[in-house]
PDB file of N, CA and C in Angstrom:
ATOM      1  N   MET A   1       0.846  -1.174   0.000  1.00  0.00           N
ATOM      2  CA  MET A   1       0.000   0.000   0.000  1.00  0.00           C
ATOM      3  C   MET A   1       0.891   1.237   0.000  1.00  0.00           C
ATOM      4  N   GLU A   2       0.635   2.165  -0.889  1.00  0.00           N
ATOM      5  CA  GLU A   2       1.445   3.373  -0.986  1.00  0.00           C
ATOM      6  C   GLU A   2       0.996   4.397   0.046  1.00  0.00           C
ATOM      7  N   LEU A   3       1.835   5.411   0.276  1.00  0.00           N
ATOM      8  CA  LEU A   3       1.499   6.449   1.240  1.00  0.00           C
ATOM      9  C   LEU A   3       0.232   7.196   0.854  1.00  0.00           C
ATOM     10  N   GLY A   4      -0.047   7.296  -0.432  1.00  0.00           N
ATOM     11  CA  GLY A   4      -1.242   7.992  -0.888  1.00  0.00           C
ATOM     12  C   GLY A   4      -2.511   7.195  -0.676  1.00  0.00           C
ATOM     13  N   GLN A   5      -2.396   5.959  -0.216  1.00  0.00           N
ATOM     14  CA  GLN A   5      -3.547   5.108   0.038  1.00  0.00           C
ATOM     15  C   GLN A   5      -3.466   4.616   1.480  1.00  0.00           C
ATOM     16  N   LEU A   6      -3.725   5.495   2.419  1.00  0.00           N
ATOM     17  CA  LEU A   6      -3.553   5.161   3.826  1.00  0.00           C
ATOM     18  C   LEU A   6      -4.693   4.350   4.426  1.00  0.00           C
ATOM     19  N   THR A   7      -5.849   4.345   3.779  1.00  0.00           N
ATOM     20  CA  THR A   7      -6.975   3.650   4.376  1.00  0.00           C
ATOM     21  C   THR A   7      -7.436   2.509   3.480  1.00  0.00           C
ATOM     22  N   ILE A   8      -8.132   1.576   4.065  1.00  0.00           N
ATOM     23  CA  ILE A   8      -8.673   0.457   3.306  1.00  0.00           C
ATOM     24  C   ILE A   8      -9.664   0.971   2.268  1.00  0.00           C
ATOM     25  N   GLY A   9     -10.473   1.960   2.656  1.00  0.00           N
ATOM     26  CA  GLY A   9     -11.451   2.530   1.723  1.00  0.00           C
ATOM     27  C   GLY A   9     -10.801   3.126   0.493  1.00  0.00           C
ATOM     28  N   LYS A  10      -9.725   3.881   0.686  1.00  0.00           N
ATOM     29  CA  LYS A  10      -9.016   4.468  -0.455  1.00  0.00           C
ATOM     30  C   LYS A  10      -8.409   3.368  -1.328  1.00  0.00           C
ATOM     31  N   TYR A  11      -7.894   2.344  -0.701  1.00  0.00           N
ATOM     32  CA  TYR A  11      -7.319   1.222  -1.439  1.00  0.00           C
ATOM     33  C   TYR A  11      -8.394   0.517  -2.274  1.00  0.00           C
ATOM     34  N   LEU A  12      -9.533   0.244  -1.659  1.00  0.00           N
ATOM     35  CA  LEU A  12     -10.604  -0.464  -2.353  1.00  0.00           C
ATOM     36  C   LEU A  12     -11.243   0.369  -3.461  1.00  0.00           C
ATOM     37  N   LEU A  13     -11.308   1.686  -3.263  1.00  0.00           N
ATOM     38  CA  LEU A  13     -11.912   2.574  -4.260  1.00  0.00           C
ATOM     39  C   LEU A  13     -10.904   3.076  -5.294  1.00  0.00           C
ATOM     40  N   HIS A  14      -9.648   2.680  -5.135  1.00  0.00           N
ATOM     41  CA  HIS A  14      -8.583   3.075  -6.068  1.00  0.00           C
ATOM     42  C   HIS A  14      -8.448   4.590  -6.171  1.00  0.00           C
ATOM     43  N   VAL A  15      -8.390   5.250  -5.016  1.00  0.00           N
ATOM     44  CA  VAL A  15      -8.117   6.680  -4.991  1.00  0.00           C
ATOM     45  C   VAL A  15      -6.857   6.916  -4.184  1.00  0.00           C
ATOM     46  N   ARG A  16      -6.258   8.065  -4.389  1.00  0.00           N
ATOM     47  CA  ARG A  16      -5.011   8.371  -3.698  1.00  0.00           C
ATOM     48  C   ARG A  16      -4.989   9.863  -3.377  1.00  0.00           C
ATOM     49  N   ILE A  17      -4.302  10.215  -2.312  1.00  0.00           N
ATOM     50  CA  ILE A  17      -4.155  11.605  -1.892  1.00  0.00           C
ATOM     51  C   ILE A  17      -2.843  12.129  -2.457  1.00  0.00           C
ATOM     52  N   VAL A  18      -2.933  13.225  -3.218  1.00  0.00           N
ATOM     53  CA  VAL A  18      -1.746  13.817  -3.806  1.00  0.00           C
ATOM     54  C   VAL A  18      -1.706  15.297  -3.465  1.00  0.00           C
ATOM     55  N   ASP A  19      -0.517  15.907  -3.620  1.00  0.00           N
ATOM     56  CA  ASP A  19      -0.431  17.351  -3.438  1.00  0.00           C
ATOM     57  C   ASP A  19      -0.945  18.024  -4.704  1.00  0.00           C
ATOM     58  N   LEU A  20      -0.920  19.331  -4.737  1.00  0.00           N
ATOM     59  CA  LEU A  20      -1.492  20.054  -5.863  1.00  0.00           C
ATOM     60  C   LEU A  20      -0.679  19.912  -7.142  1.00  0.00           C
ATOM     61  N   GLN A  21       0.541  19.404  -7.044  1.00  0.00           N
ATOM     62  CA  GLN A  21       1.366  19.152  -8.223  1.00  0.00           C
ATOM     63  C   GLN A  21       1.191  17.714  -8.732  1.00  0.00           C
ATOM     64  N   GLY A  22       0.386  16.915  -8.056  1.00  0.00           N
ATOM     65  CA  GLY A  22       0.120  15.547  -8.478  1.00  0.00           C
ATOM     66  C   GLY A  22       1.040  14.500  -7.879  1.00  0.00           C
ATOM     67  N   ARG A  23       1.952  14.925  -6.998  1.00  0.00           N
ATOM     68  CA  ARG A  23       2.844  13.960  -6.329  1.00  0.00           C
ATOM     69  C   ARG A  23       2.146  13.423  -5.081  1.00  0.00           C
ATOM     70  N   ILE A  24       2.489  12.207  -4.696  1.00  0.00           N
ATOM     71  CA  ILE A  24       1.909  11.650  -3.472  1.00  0.00           C
ATOM     72  C   ILE A  24       2.255  12.568  -2.308  1.00  0.00           C
ATOM     73  N   ALA A  25       1.241  12.956  -1.558  1.00  0.00           N
ATOM     74  CA  ALA A  25       1.414  13.903  -0.463  1.00  0.00           C
ATOM     75  C   ALA A  25       2.281  13.293   0.639  1.00  0.00           C
ATOM     76  N   PRO A  26       3.143  14.115   1.254  1.00  0.00           N
ATOM     77  CA  PRO A  26       3.971  13.613   2.356  1.00  0.00           C
ATOM     78  C   PRO A  26       3.106  13.102   3.513  1.00  0.00           C
ATOM     79  N   LEU A  27       3.576  12.058   4.150  1.00  0.00           N
ATOM     80  CA  LEU A  27       2.831  11.423   5.233  1.00  0.00           C
ATOM     81  C   LEU A  27       2.493  12.409   6.353  1.00  0.00           C
ATOM     82  N   TRP A  28       3.443  13.267   6.729  1.00  0.00           N
ATOM     83  CA  TRP A  28       3.183  14.231   7.809  1.00  0.00           C
ATOM     84  C   TRP A  28       2.047  15.174   7.440  1.00  0.00           C
ATOM     85  N   ARG A  29       1.975  15.577   6.181  1.00  0.00           N
ATOM     86  CA  ARG A  29       0.919  16.498   5.748  1.00  0.00           C
ATOM     87  C   ARG A  29      -0.444  15.817   5.810  1.00  0.00           C
ATOM     88  N   VAL A  30      -0.478  14.576   5.389  1.00  0.00           N
ATOM     89  CA  VAL A  30      -1.738  13.833   5.389  1.00  0.00           C
ATOM     90  C   VAL A  30      -2.220  13.607   6.824  1.00  0.00           C
ATOM     91  N   ILE A  31      -1.330  13.166   7.686  1.00  0.00           N
ATOM     92  CA  ILE A  31      -1.736  12.855   9.062  1.00  0.00           C
ATOM     93  C   ILE A  31      -2.031  14.118   9.869  1.00  0.00           C
ATOM     94  N   LEU A  32      -1.098  15.069   9.896  1.00  0.00           N
ATOM     95  CA  LEU A  32      -1.269  16.248  10.748  1.00  0.00           C
ATOM     96  C   LEU A  32      -2.313  17.228  10.238  1.00  0.00           C
ATOM     97  N   LEU A  33      -2.236  17.608   8.991  1.00  0.00           N
ATOM     98  CA  LEU A  33      -3.118  18.656   8.481  1.00  0.00           C
ATOM     99  C   LEU A  33      -4.449  18.126   7.971  1.00  0.00           C
ATOM    100  N   ARG A  34      -4.427  16.958   7.377  1.00  0.00           N
ATOM    101  CA  ARG A  34      -5.642  16.453   6.748  1.00  0.00           C
ATOM    102  C   ARG A  34      -6.540  15.735   7.751  1.00  0.00           C
ATOM    103  N   TYR A  35      -5.968  14.918   8.617  1.00  0.00           N
ATOM    104  CA  TYR A  35      -6.773  14.126   9.546  1.00  0.00           C
ATOM    105  C   TYR A  35      -6.790  14.691  10.969  1.00  0.00           C
ATOM    106  N   LEU A  36      -5.633  14.874  11.571  1.00  0.00           N
ATOM    107  CA  LEU A  36      -5.554  15.238  12.987  1.00  0.00           C
ATOM    108  C   LEU A  36      -6.127  16.628  13.273  1.00  0.00           C
ATOM    109  N   LEU A  37      -5.756  17.623  12.491  1.00  0.00           N
ATOM    110  CA  LEU A  37      -6.222  18.994  12.744  1.00  0.00           C
ATOM    111  C   LEU A  37      -7.748  19.070  12.710  1.00  0.00           C
ATOM    112  N   ILE A  38      -8.347  18.511  11.681  1.00  0.00           N
ATOM    113  CA  ILE A  38      -9.812  18.547  11.572  1.00  0.00           C
ATOM    114  C   ILE A  38     -10.458  17.745  12.698  1.00  0.00           C
ATOM    115  N   SER A  39      -9.873  16.622  13.074  1.00  0.00           N
ATOM    116  CA  SER A  39     -10.424  15.804  14.161  1.00  0.00           C
ATOM    117  C   SER A  39     -10.396  16.546  15.489  1.00  0.00           C
ATOM    118  N   VAL A  40      -9.310  17.254  15.758  1.00  0.00           N
ATOM    119  CA  VAL A  40      -9.200  18.013  17.008  1.00  0.00           C
ATOM    120  C   VAL A  40     -10.196  19.164  17.021  1.00  0.00           C
ATOM    121  N   VAL A  41     -10.270  19.901  15.933  1.00  0.00           N
ATOM    122  CA  VAL A  41     -11.187  21.043  15.863  1.00  0.00           C
ATOM    123  C   VAL A  41     -12.636  20.577  15.966  1.00  0.00           C
ATOM    124  N   ALA A  42     -12.940  19.404  15.434  1.00  0.00           N
ATOM    125  CA  ALA A  42     -14.305  18.876  15.479  1.00  0.00           C
ATOM    126  C   ALA A  42     -14.776  18.630  16.912  1.00  0.00           C
ATOM    127  N   GLN A  43     -13.864  18.558  17.862  1.00  0.00           N
ATOM    128  CA  GLN A  43     -14.214  18.326  19.264  1.00  0.00           C
ATOM    129  C   GLN A  43     -14.596  19.604  20.010  1.00  0.00           C
ATOM    130  N   LEU A  44     -14.604  20.743  19.332  1.00  0.00           N
ATOM    131  CA  LEU A  44     -14.834  22.029  19.981  1.00  0.00           C
ATOM    132  C   LEU A  44     -16.307  22.430  20.026  1.00  0.00           C
ATOM    133  N   GLY A  45     -17.159  21.537  20.405  1.00  0.00           N
ATOM    134  CA  GLY A  45     -18.566  21.845  20.602  1.00  0.00           C
ATOM    135  C   GLY A  45     -19.259  22.304  19.328  1.00  0.00           C
ATOM    136  N   VAL A  46     -20.043  23.373  19.463  1.00  0.00           N
ATOM    137  CA  VAL A  46     -20.846  23.880  18.348  1.00  0.00           C
ATOM    138  C   VAL A  46     -19.948  24.348  17.203  1.00  0.00           C
ATOM    139  N   LEU A  47     -18.875  25.047  17.521  1.00  0.00           N
ATOM    140  CA  LEU A  47     -17.955  25.523  16.482  1.00  0.00           C
ATOM    141  C   LEU A  47     -17.350  24.349  15.724  1.00  0.00           C
ATOM    142  N   GLY A  48     -16.965  23.312  16.433  1.00  0.00           N
ATOM    143  CA  GLY A  48     -16.412  22.127  15.793  1.00  0.00           C
ATOM    144  C   GLY A  48     -17.425  21.430  14.909  1.00  0.00           C
ATOM    145  N   SER A  49     -18.661  21.359  15.362  1.00  0.00           N
ATOM    146  CA  SER A  49     -19.723  20.753  14.556  1.00  0.00           C
ATOM    147  C   SER A  49     -19.971  21.556  13.296  1.00  0.00           C
ATOM    148  N   LEU A  50     -19.981  22.866  13.412  1.00  0.00           N
ATOM    149  CA  LEU A  50     -20.169  23.728  12.254  1.00  0.00           C
ATOM    150  C   LEU A  50     -19.028  23.555  11.258  1.00  0.00           C
ATOM    151  N   LEU A  51     -17.807  23.531  11.768  1.00  0.00           N
ATOM    152  CA  LEU A  51     -16.646  23.358  10.900  1.00  0.00           C
ATOM    153  C   LEU A  51     -16.675  21.989  10.212  1.00  0.00           C
ATOM    154  N   SER A  52     -17.083  20.952  10.917  1.00  0.00           N
ATOM    155  CA  SER A  52     -17.189  19.622  10.316  1.00  0.00           C
ATOM    156  C   SER A  52     -18.232  19.602   9.207  1.00  0.00           C
ATOM    157  N   THR A  53     -19.329  20.303   9.423  1.00  0.00           N
ATOM    158  CA  THR A  53     -20.370  20.383   8.402  1.00  0.00           C
ATOM    159  C   THR A  53     -19.868  21.118   7.174  1.00  0.00           C
ATOM    160  N   VAL A  54     -19.192  22.246   7.383  1.00  0.00           N
ATOM    161  CA  VAL A  54     -18.621  22.998   6.260  1.00  0.00           C
ATOM    162  C   VAL A  54     -17.605  22.136   5.520  1.00  0.00           C
ATOM    163  N   ASP A  55     -16.785  21.401   6.261  1.00  0.00           N
ATOM    164  CA  ASP A  55     -15.791  20.514   5.654  1.00  0.00           C
ATOM    165  C   ASP A  55     -16.468  19.538   4.693  1.00  0.00           C
ATOM    166  N   CYS A  56     -17.543  18.923   5.123  1.00  0.00           N
ATOM    167  CA  CYS A  56     -18.254  17.953   4.278  1.00  0.00           C
ATOM    168  C   CYS A  56     -18.934  18.622   3.085  1.00  0.00           C
ATOM    169  N   LEU A  57     -19.527  19.772   3.291  1.00  0.00           N
ATOM    170  CA  LEU A  57     -20.285  20.425   2.230  1.00  0.00           C
ATOM    171  C   LEU A  57     -19.399  20.988   1.112  1.00  0.00           C
ATOM    172  N   LEU A  58     -18.157  21.253   1.413  1.00  0.00           N
ATOM    173  CA  LEU A  58     -17.273  21.815   0.386  1.00  0.00           C
ATOM    174  C   LEU A  58     -16.997  20.832  -0.748  1.00  0.00           C
ATOM    175  N   ILE A  59     -17.331  19.562  -0.583  1.00  0.00           N
ATOM    176  CA  ILE A  59     -17.147  18.585  -1.656  1.00  0.00           C
ATOM    177  C   ILE A  59     -17.994  18.949  -2.869  1.00  0.00           C
ATOM    178  N   PHE A  60     -19.042  19.746  -2.683  1.00  0.00           N
ATOM    179  CA  PHE A  60     -19.941  20.108  -3.769  1.00  0.00           C
ATOM    180  C   PHE A  60     -19.457  21.302  -4.593  1.00  0.00           C
ATOM    181  N   GLN A  61     -18.325  21.894  -4.215  1.00  0.00           N
ATOM    182  CA  GLN A  61     -17.794  22.982  -5.032  1.00  0.00           C
ATOM    183  C   GLN A  61     -17.141  22.408  -6.289  1.00  0.00           C
ATOM    184  N   LYS A  62     -16.843  23.251  -7.252  1.00  0.00           N
ATOM    185  CA  LYS A  62     -16.329  22.792  -8.543  1.00  0.00           C
ATOM    186  C   LYS A  62     -15.037  21.982  -8.412  1.00  0.00           C
ATOM    187  N   SER A  63     -14.128  22.391  -7.520  1.00  0.00           N
ATOM    188  CA  SER A  63     -12.849  21.683  -7.383  1.00  0.00           C
ATOM    189  C   SER A  63     -12.979  20.362  -6.638  1.00  0.00           C
ATOM    190  N   ARG A  64     -14.129  20.123  -5.981  1.00  0.00           N
ATOM    191  CA  ARG A  64     -14.397  18.908  -5.201  1.00  0.00           C
ATOM    192  C   ARG A  64     -13.362  18.675  -4.102  1.00  0.00           C
ATOM    193  N   ARG A  65     -12.813  19.769  -3.557  1.00  0.00           N
ATOM    194  CA  ARG A  65     -11.857  19.669  -2.450  1.00  0.00           C
ATOM    195  C   ARG A  65     -12.548  20.120  -1.173  1.00  0.00           C
ATOM    196  N   CYS A  66     -12.495  19.281  -0.150  1.00  0.00           N
ATOM    197  CA  CYS A  66     -13.071  19.623   1.154  1.00  0.00           C
ATOM    198  C   CYS A  66     -12.126  20.550   1.902  1.00  0.00           C
ATOM    199  N   LEU A  67     -12.584  21.054   3.053  1.00  0.00           N
ATOM    200  CA  LEU A  67     -11.780  21.969   3.852  1.00  0.00           C
ATOM    201  C   LEU A  67     -10.460  21.329   4.261  1.00  0.00           C
ATOM    202  N   HIS A  68     -10.476  20.047   4.628  1.00  0.00           N
ATOM    203  CA  HIS A  68      -9.226  19.392   5.032  1.00  0.00           C
ATOM    204  C   HIS A  68      -8.254  19.301   3.857  1.00  0.00           C
ATOM    205  N   ASP A  69      -8.751  19.189   2.632  1.00  0.00           N
ATOM    206  CA  ASP A  69      -7.873  19.204   1.452  1.00  0.00           C
ATOM    207  C   ASP A  69      -7.277  20.592   1.232  1.00  0.00           C
ATOM    208  N   ILE A  70      -8.086  21.617   1.400  1.00  0.00           N
ATOM    209  CA  ILE A  70      -7.614  22.993   1.211  1.00  0.00           C
ATOM    210  C   ILE A  70      -6.538  23.322   2.239  1.00  0.00           C
ATOM    211  N   ILE A  71      -6.768  22.970   3.506  1.00  0.00           N
ATOM    212  CA  ILE A  71      -5.797  23.235   4.564  1.00  0.00           C
ATOM    213  C   ILE A  71      -4.483  22.500   4.303  1.00  0.00           C
ATOM    214  N   ALA A  72      -4.564  21.244   3.895  1.00  0.00           N
ATOM    215  CA  ALA A  72      -3.364  20.425   3.699  1.00  0.00           C
ATOM    216  C   ALA A  72      -2.718  20.622   2.330  1.00  0.00           C
ATOM    217  N   GLY A  73      -3.398  21.312   1.426  1.00  0.00           N
ATOM    218  CA  GLY A  73      -2.852  21.482   0.083  1.00  0.00           C
ATOM    219  C   GLY A  73      -2.840  20.176  -0.687  1.00  0.00           C
ATOM    220  N   THR A  74      -3.916  19.395  -0.525  1.00  0.00           N
ATOM    221  CA  THR A  74      -3.997  18.085  -1.172  1.00  0.00           C
ATOM    222  C   THR A  74      -5.264  17.998  -2.004  1.00  0.00           C
ATOM    223  N   ARG A  75      -5.357  16.927  -2.773  1.00  0.00           N
ATOM    224  CA  ARG A  75      -6.569  16.576  -3.504  1.00  0.00           C
ATOM    225  C   ARG A  75      -6.604  15.060  -3.645  1.00  0.00           C
ATOM    226  N   VAL A  76      -7.773  14.532  -3.925  1.00  0.00           N
ATOM    227  CA  VAL A  76      -7.931  13.092  -4.087  1.00  0.00           C
ATOM    228  C   VAL A  76      -8.107  12.810  -5.573  1.00  0.00           C
ATOM    229  N   ILE A  77      -7.352  11.843  -6.079  1.00  0.00           N
ATOM    230  CA  ILE A  77      -7.423  11.495  -7.492  1.00  0.00           C
ATOM    231  C   ILE A  77      -7.693   9.999  -7.637  1.00  0.00           C
ATOM    232  N   LYS A  78      -8.164   9.602  -8.803  1.00  0.00           N
ATOM    233  CA  LYS A  78      -8.323   8.180  -9.116  1.00  0.00           C
ATOM    234  C   LYS A  78      -6.948   7.586  -9.341  1.00  0.00           C
ATOM    235  N   ALA A  79      -6.706   6.428  -8.786  1.00  0.00           N
ATOM    236  CA  ALA A  79      -5.435   5.707  -8.962  1.00  0.00           C
ATOM    237  C   ALA A  79      -5.689   4.552  -9.921  1.00  0.00           C
ATOM    238  N   ARG A  80      -4.667   4.129 -10.562  1.00  0.00           N
ATOM    239  CA  ARG A  80      -4.801   2.964 -11.436  1.00  0.00           C
ATOM    240  C   ARG A  80      -4.944   1.716 -10.583  1.00  0.00           C
ATOM    241  N   PRO A  81      -5.874   0.823 -10.934  1.00  0.00           N
ATOM    242  CA  PRO A  81      -6.051  -0.407 -10.134  1.00  0.00           C
ATOM    243  C   PRO A  81      -4.861  -1.340 -10.242  1.00  0.00           C
TER     244      PRO A  81
END
């Protein structure tokens, strides 16, 4: 499993997390900025709930990048099976 496919879901769906230049995103960026930061902020009561909702809803914008992607400077792409 490559660094761009950290979860079973990403592996099964053949998607990968890359930076904005198309290279596999560094592990520290994926863990700290993409997962951990949003998870910690989500614990902040009403503000965290609002931020989590905004994070999910941003998938509907043209770029299809959620808030955690924007913060981490990443995007999700289809990987070759």
